[in-house]
Amino acid sequence: MPGEGGSEPGRFVVDESSFDFRGLTEERLTDLLDEFTDELTDLVRTHRVTVSPWWSEAECAPGTELHDVLYEGGTPRAGRDARLRMVRTMDRCPKWDTEAAGLPDEVELAEEGPVLALSVGFAWLHATRGHHIGCLVFPTAGRVGWQSVVVGGTATSSGIGKDVFFLTGASSLPDFWRELFSRENVAEQSFVERAREAFPDLVFADSLTFRRFDGTYGEMRDWVVRVLSVVHDHFIDALAKHAGIPADVKAELGHHGLNLSPESPNTRAKAKIMKQREVVHGGEKYLCEWHAKKDRHRNRVHFSLPEQRLDGRVLIGIFVDHLDT
């Protein structure tokens, strides 16, 4: 079974059932094969991506298997270089374990009805066990983001439904990792490691700890994830849009339902108190004077402005109940 011997199964599979070549011209199909191979190549650089042992037998057009098109050059036609490049990349991916007990052959996808989708079934099976696996799809597939996948439905039974994540490339990875904080109840000791995947444009100080909050990890985690999402996705853009004017940046970020702001002029005038906002990371000091407030008088996430020393990224420096003002 996947995970045998205590190891965690991989996080990504190729959804062979998403390859639909119907109606595509040779030029268009060639471009799409190259696009897919680019995304797969990018993904396998940093993650383990597995494939079905029978991926090439999936139907990509009526009466036509992927093998017919990619290996044999059959119709629908595609450029030889694009075909062989994709085949080489797919063949380098390890196969997922076919002996997993309870692995379904057929799944039901929203608006598609029952389909033969072995890798989606593999992802569904692990979702029932609390381990989510993302499915990389062909660029033209309509499956994007979290989608309900049902197995075992009959005329008298609704079957078992689980959400499975579908992605067309690495740009969707942050959305996948962020959802797992709650879906898999990520433990405190794993938070920063997972956060580095979910928020690649943020840097996390080694000294970060949830223990300085006024509240337990379980009480604070989801709020912290929301804060990191807004800082990662919107802070740098808001600074540029409003030329760094604090009040305007604060108002812009407030549209996302959080209170984020720099320290007040009164606090910034006190050198001893501002020193509490200094964080040492990688042997250098950073000032984390911007912060998110959970409550009026307690619980803050302090972070820096974008730092050239960090390749333009933002340092998340302090989790704390409250610093002196």
Protein backbone atom coordinates (compact mmCIF):
# COMPACT_ATOMS: atom_id res chain seq x y z
CA MET A 1 0.00 0.00 0.00
CA PRO A 2 1.09 3.61 -0.45
CA GLY A 3 2.80 4.73 2.71
CA GLU A 4 3.95 1.20 3.52
CA GLY A 5 6.61 1.16 6.19
CA GLY A 6 5.41 4.43 7.72
CA SER A 7 6.38 6.71 4.81
CA GLU A 8 3.88 9.29 3.61
CA PRO A 9 2.45 8.78 0.11
CA GLY A 10 3.30 11.44 -2.44
CA ARG A 11 1.36 14.66 -2.81
CA PHE A 12 0.72 14.78 -6.56
CA VAL A 13 -0.48 12.53 -9.38
CA VAL A 14 -1.10 13.10 -13.08
CA ASP A 15 -4.82 12.83 -13.87
CA GLU A 16 -4.66 10.79 -17.06
CA SER A 17 -8.44 11.04 -17.51
CA SER A 18 -8.12 14.81 -18.12
CA PHE A 19 -6.42 14.34 -21.51
CA ASP A 20 -9.16 15.20 -24.00
CA PHE A 21 -7.80 15.78 -27.50
CA ARG A 22 -11.15 15.92 -29.33
CA GLY A 23 -11.45 18.77 -31.83
CA LEU A 24 -7.86 19.99 -31.44
CA THR A 25 -5.80 20.91 -34.48
CA GLU A 26 -2.29 19.53 -34.77
CA GLU A 27 -0.79 22.92 -33.98
CA ARG A 28 -3.01 23.44 -30.95
CA LEU A 29 -2.44 19.95 -29.58
CA THR A 30 1.31 20.32 -30.01
CA ASP A 31 1.26 23.57 -28.05
CA LEU A 32 -0.85 22.02 -25.28
CA LEU A 33 1.43 19.00 -24.95
CA ASP A 34 4.41 21.34 -24.58
CA GLU A 35 2.52 23.44 -22.03
CA PHE A 36 1.60 20.38 -19.98
CA THR A 37 5.15 19.00 -20.11
CA ASP A 38 6.54 22.37 -18.99
CA GLU A 39 4.24 22.34 -15.96
CA LEU A 40 4.99 18.72 -15.11
CA THR A 41 8.73 19.33 -15.43
CA ASP A 42 8.44 22.33 -13.13
CA LEU A 43 6.45 20.36 -10.57
CA VAL A 44 8.76 17.34 -10.44
CA ARG A 45 11.74 19.58 -9.70
CA THR A 46 10.46 20.08 -6.17
CA HIS A 47 7.77 17.42 -5.59
CA ARG A 48 7.22 13.73 -6.11
CA VAL A 49 4.65 13.25 -8.87
CA THR A 50 3.33 9.75 -9.55
CA VAL A 51 1.37 8.35 -12.49
CA SER A 52 -0.99 5.45 -13.06
CA PRO A 53 0.75 2.32 -14.39
CA TRP A 54 -1.91 2.40 -17.11
CA TRP A 55 -1.83 6.11 -17.89
CA SER A 56 -1.08 5.59 -21.60
CA GLU A 57 -4.20 3.42 -21.98
CA ALA A 58 -6.54 6.29 -21.07
CA GLU A 59 -8.88 7.36 -23.87
CA CYS A 60 -8.07 10.80 -25.25
CA ALA A 61 -10.54 10.73 -28.17
CA PRO A 62 -13.31 8.30 -29.13
CA GLY A 63 -11.68 4.90 -29.62
CA THR A 64 -8.17 6.37 -29.26
CA GLU A 65 -5.78 5.84 -26.35
CA LEU A 66 -3.00 8.17 -25.31
CA HIS A 67 -0.52 5.52 -26.42
CA ASP A 68 -1.87 5.70 -29.98
CA VAL A 69 -1.26 9.44 -30.19
CA LEU A 70 1.91 9.90 -28.14
CA TYR A 71 3.89 6.77 -28.97
CA GLU A 72 2.53 5.89 -32.40
CA GLY A 73 1.83 9.34 -33.85
CA GLY A 74 -1.81 8.51 -34.54
CA THR A 75 -4.79 10.82 -34.91
CA PRO A 76 -5.41 13.35 -33.38
CA ARG A 77 -1.97 14.34 -34.59
CA ALA A 78 0.65 16.30 -32.66
CA GLY A 79 4.24 17.33 -33.33
CA ARG A 80 6.79 14.56 -32.85
CA ASP A 81 9.11 16.54 -30.54
CA ALA A 82 6.23 17.53 -28.25
CA ARG A 83 4.95 13.95 -28.12
CA LEU A 84 8.30 12.39 -27.31
CA ARG A 85 9.17 15.05 -24.76
CA MET A 86 5.94 14.42 -22.88
CA VAL A 87 6.42 10.64 -23.06
CA ARG A 88 9.94 10.89 -21.64
CA THR A 89 8.77 13.12 -18.81
CA MET A 90 5.82 10.90 -17.93
CA ASP A 91 7.91 7.74 -18.10
CA ARG A 92 10.36 9.18 -15.57
CA CYS A 93 7.58 9.61 -13.01
CA PRO A 94 7.22 6.74 -10.51
CA LYS A 95 4.03 4.68 -10.61
CA TRP A 96 1.61 4.83 -7.72
CA ASP A 97 0.81 1.58 -5.90
CA THR A 98 -2.02 -0.38 -7.51
CA GLU A 99 -2.41 -2.68 -4.49
CA ALA A 100 -4.06 -0.08 -2.27
CA ALA A 101 -7.10 -1.66 -0.66
CA GLY A 102 -10.31 0.11 -1.67
CA LEU A 103 -8.90 1.73 -4.82
CA PRO A 104 -11.88 2.55 -7.09
CA ASP A 105 -11.90 2.22 -10.86
CA GLU A 106 -14.69 4.70 -11.49
CA VAL A 107 -15.41 8.04 -9.85
CA GLU A 108 -18.13 10.62 -10.26
CA LEU A 109 -17.03 14.18 -10.90
CA ALA A 110 -19.23 17.26 -10.74
CA GLU A 111 -21.01 17.86 -14.07
CA GLU A 112 -19.19 14.93 -15.70
CA GLY A 113 -20.94 11.92 -14.21
CA PRO A 114 -19.16 8.59 -13.69
CA VAL A 115 -15.78 8.36 -15.42
CA LEU A 116 -12.86 5.94 -15.49
CA ALA A 117 -10.25 8.02 -13.66
CA LEU A 118 -7.82 5.79 -11.81
CA SER A 119 -5.48 8.50 -10.52
CA VAL A 120 -8.42 10.60 -9.31
CA GLY A 121 -9.64 7.48 -7.52
CA PHE A 122 -6.20 7.13 -5.95
CA ALA A 123 -6.39 10.73 -4.71
CA TRP A 124 -9.95 10.17 -3.44
CA LEU A 125 -8.86 7.06 -1.54
CA HIS A 126 -6.14 8.94 0.31
CA ALA A 127 -8.49 11.85 1.02
CA THR A 128 -10.73 9.39 2.89
CA ARG A 129 -7.67 8.67 5.05
CA GLY A 130 -6.93 12.34 5.74
CA HIS A 131 -4.07 12.73 3.25
CA HIS A 132 -4.79 15.00 0.28
CA ILE A 133 -3.20 14.49 -3.12
CA GLY A 134 -3.34 17.07 -5.90
CA CYS A 135 -4.16 15.98 -9.46
CA LEU A 136 -2.24 17.64 -12.30
CA VAL A 137 -4.56 18.00 -15.29
CA PHE A 138 -4.21 18.75 -18.99
CA PRO A 139 -4.51 22.52 -19.70
CA THR A 140 -7.94 22.26 -21.34
CA ALA A 141 -9.53 20.32 -18.46
CA GLY A 142 -12.38 22.05 -16.67
CA ARG A 143 -11.31 20.66 -13.30
CA VAL A 144 -9.66 23.42 -11.29
CA GLY A 145 -9.26 23.79 -7.53
CA TRP A 146 -11.13 21.75 -4.95
CA GLN A 147 -13.80 19.57 -6.55
CA SER A 148 -16.12 16.98 -5.05
CA VAL A 149 -15.34 13.40 -6.09
CA VAL A 150 -17.87 10.69 -5.27
CA VAL A 151 -17.33 6.95 -5.24
CA GLY A 152 -19.86 4.17 -4.76
CA GLY A 153 -23.08 5.98 -5.56
CA THR A 154 -26.08 3.90 -6.62
CA ALA A 155 -29.76 4.47 -7.22
CA THR A 156 -30.32 4.05 -3.49
CA SER A 157 -27.05 5.44 -2.11
CA SER A 158 -25.27 8.76 -2.51
CA GLY A 159 -21.81 7.23 -2.22
CA ILE A 160 -18.82 8.71 -0.40
CA GLY A 161 -17.78 12.19 -1.44
CA LYS A 162 -14.40 13.78 -0.80
CA ASP A 163 -12.85 17.00 -2.07
CA VAL A 164 -9.86 16.54 -4.38
CA PHE A 165 -7.61 19.36 -5.61
CA PHE A 166 -7.02 19.76 -9.36
CA LEU A 167 -4.24 21.97 -10.70
CA THR A 168 -2.85 22.89 -14.12
CA GLY A 169 0.57 23.86 -12.78
CA ALA A 170 2.82 24.98 -9.95
CA SER A 171 1.17 28.42 -9.72
CA SER A 172 -1.78 26.74 -7.98
CA LEU A 173 0.33 25.11 -5.28
CA PRO A 174 -0.11 27.84 -2.62
CA ASP A 175 -3.89 27.38 -2.78
CA PHE A 176 -3.43 23.65 -2.22
CA TRP A 177 -1.06 23.94 0.73
CA ARG A 178 -3.08 26.66 2.47
CA GLU A 179 -6.21 24.54 2.56
CA LEU A 180 -4.33 21.68 4.19
CA PHE A 181 -3.76 23.62 7.42
CA SER A 182 -7.39 22.99 8.33
CA ARG A 183 -8.20 19.97 6.14
CA GLU A 184 -5.36 17.95 7.66
CA ASN A 185 -5.20 19.77 10.99
CA VAL A 186 -1.51 20.60 10.56
CA ALA A 187 0.33 20.29 13.87
CA GLU A 188 2.23 23.15 15.49
CA GLN A 189 5.64 21.57 14.90
CA SER A 190 4.90 21.34 11.16
CA PHE A 191 3.41 24.83 10.74
CA VAL A 192 6.44 26.74 9.47
CA GLU A 193 7.53 23.96 7.13
CA ARG A 194 4.08 23.91 5.55
CA ALA A 195 3.90 27.71 5.55
CA ARG A 196 7.03 27.90 3.41
CA GLU A 197 5.14 25.92 0.74
CA ALA A 198 1.93 27.89 1.12
CA PHE A 199 3.56 31.34 1.15
CA PRO A 200 6.70 31.18 -1.02
CA ASP A 201 7.19 34.97 -1.10
CA LEU A 202 7.41 35.20 2.69
CA VAL A 203 10.38 34.40 4.91
CA PHE A 204 9.83 32.99 8.39
CA ALA A 205 12.14 33.93 11.25
CA ASP A 206 13.71 30.99 13.07
CA SER A 207 12.52 32.45 16.39
CA LEU A 208 8.79 32.32 15.50
CA THR A 209 6.66 30.51 18.06
CA PHE A 210 2.95 30.30 18.78
CA ARG A 211 3.79 30.13 22.49
CA ARG A 212 4.00 33.92 22.74
CA PHE A 213 0.37 34.39 21.70
CA ASP A 214 -2.39 34.78 24.27
CA GLY A 215 -4.17 31.64 23.11
CA THR A 216 -3.44 28.08 22.07
CA TYR A 217 -2.08 27.01 18.71
CA GLY A 218 -5.49 25.55 17.85
CA GLU A 219 -7.16 28.88 18.61
CA MET A 220 -4.64 30.97 16.67
CA ARG A 221 -3.64 28.89 13.65
CA ASP A 222 -6.45 29.68 11.20
CA TRP A 223 -6.27 33.41 11.92
CA VAL A 224 -2.50 33.37 11.34
CA VAL A 225 -3.06 31.59 8.00
CA ARG A 226 -5.50 34.34 6.98
CA VAL A 227 -2.95 37.00 7.93
CA LEU A 228 -0.17 35.32 5.99
CA SER A 229 -2.47 34.96 2.97
CA VAL A 230 -3.22 38.70 2.88
CA VAL A 231 0.40 39.72 3.47
CA HIS A 232 1.66 37.30 0.81
CA ASP A 233 -0.97 38.11 -1.82
CA HIS A 234 -1.60 41.83 -1.32
CA PHE A 235 0.95 43.68 0.86
CA ILE A 236 3.62 44.41 -1.74
CA ASP A 237 1.02 45.38 -4.36
CA ALA A 238 -0.69 47.72 -1.88
CA LEU A 239 2.63 49.41 -1.07
CA ALA A 240 3.29 50.01 -4.75
CA LYS A 241 -0.24 51.16 -5.51
CA HIS A 242 -0.24 53.73 -2.71
CA ALA A 243 3.44 54.76 -2.83
CA GLY A 244 3.95 53.32 0.66
CA ILE A 245 1.62 55.83 2.34
CA PRO A 246 0.70 53.95 5.55
CA ALA A 247 -2.91 55.08 5.90
CA ASP A 248 -3.73 54.24 2.29
CA VAL A 249 -1.97 50.87 2.46
CA LYS A 250 -3.82 50.06 5.68
CA ALA A 251 -7.16 50.95 4.06
CA GLU A 252 -6.36 48.84 1.00
CA LEU A 253 -5.50 45.80 3.12
CA GLY A 254 -8.59 46.35 5.24
CA HIS A 255 -10.71 45.34 2.24
CA HIS A 256 -9.63 41.77 2.99
CA GLY A 257 -11.23 41.78 6.43
CA LEU A 258 -8.10 42.16 8.56
CA ASN A 259 -6.51 44.98 10.53
CA LEU A 260 -2.94 45.48 9.30
CA SER A 261 -0.93 48.63 10.01
CA PRO A 262 2.49 50.01 10.90
CA GLU A 263 3.36 51.25 14.37
CA SER A 264 2.07 54.69 15.27
CA PRO A 265 4.34 57.76 15.11
CA ASN A 266 4.27 57.83 18.91
CA THR A 267 5.63 54.27 19.13
CA ARG A 268 8.21 54.83 16.38
CA ALA A 269 9.59 57.79 18.32
CA LYS A 270 10.65 55.50 21.20
CA ALA A 271 13.94 53.83 20.28
CA LYS A 272 13.91 51.37 23.19
CA ILE A 273 10.39 50.21 22.37
CA MET A 274 11.07 49.96 18.62
CA LYS A 275 14.00 47.68 19.44
CA GLN A 276 11.39 45.10 20.47
CA ARG A 277 10.35 44.99 16.80
CA GLU A 278 13.86 44.04 15.65
CA VAL A 279 14.35 40.43 14.61
CA VAL A 280 17.64 38.69 13.91
CA HIS A 281 17.41 36.36 10.94
CA GLY A 282 20.36 34.82 9.13
CA GLY A 283 22.70 36.91 11.26
CA GLU A 284 21.12 40.22 10.20
CA LYS A 285 18.63 42.53 11.88
CA TYR A 286 15.24 43.34 10.39
CA LEU A 287 12.65 45.80 11.62
CA CYS A 288 9.14 44.31 11.79
CA GLU A 289 7.06 47.37 12.49
CA TRP A 290 4.02 46.38 10.41
CA HIS A 291 1.62 44.11 12.22
CA ALA A 292 -1.76 42.42 12.06
CA LYS A 293 -4.07 42.68 15.06
CA LYS A 294 -6.39 39.88 16.04
CA ASP A 295 -7.94 41.77 18.94
CA ARG A 296 -7.61 45.38 20.01
CA HIS A 297 -5.21 44.74 22.88
CA ARG A 298 -3.78 41.30 22.21
CA ASN A 299 -2.26 38.97 19.62
CA ARG A 300 -0.11 40.39 16.85
CA VAL A 301 1.79 39.11 13.83
CA HIS A 302 4.72 41.47 13.13
CA PHE A 303 6.34 41.61 9.69
CA SER A 304 8.82 43.71 7.73
CA LEU A 305 8.61 45.76 4.59
CA PRO A 306 9.87 43.97 1.45
CA GLU A 307 13.60 43.44 1.95
CA GLN A 308 16.25 43.48 -0.78
CA ARG A 309 18.39 41.31 1.51
CA LEU A 310 15.61 38.69 1.19
CA ASP A 311 15.22 39.09 -2.58
CA GLY A 312 12.31 41.45 -2.12
CA ARG A 313 10.39 39.14 0.18
CA VAL A 314 8.71 40.01 3.48
CA LEU A 315 9.98 38.64 6.79
CA ILE A 316 7.37 37.29 9.20
CA GLY A 317 9.26 38.06 12.37
CA ILE A 318 7.16 37.89 15.52
CA PHE A 319 4.07 36.10 16.86
CA VAL A 320 3.21 37.77 20.18
CA ASP A 321 0.39 38.73 22.51
CA HIS A 322 1.45 42.40 22.57
CA LEU A 323 4.62 44.49 22.47
CA ASP A 324 5.14 47.71 24.42
CA THR A 325 3.90 50.89 22.74
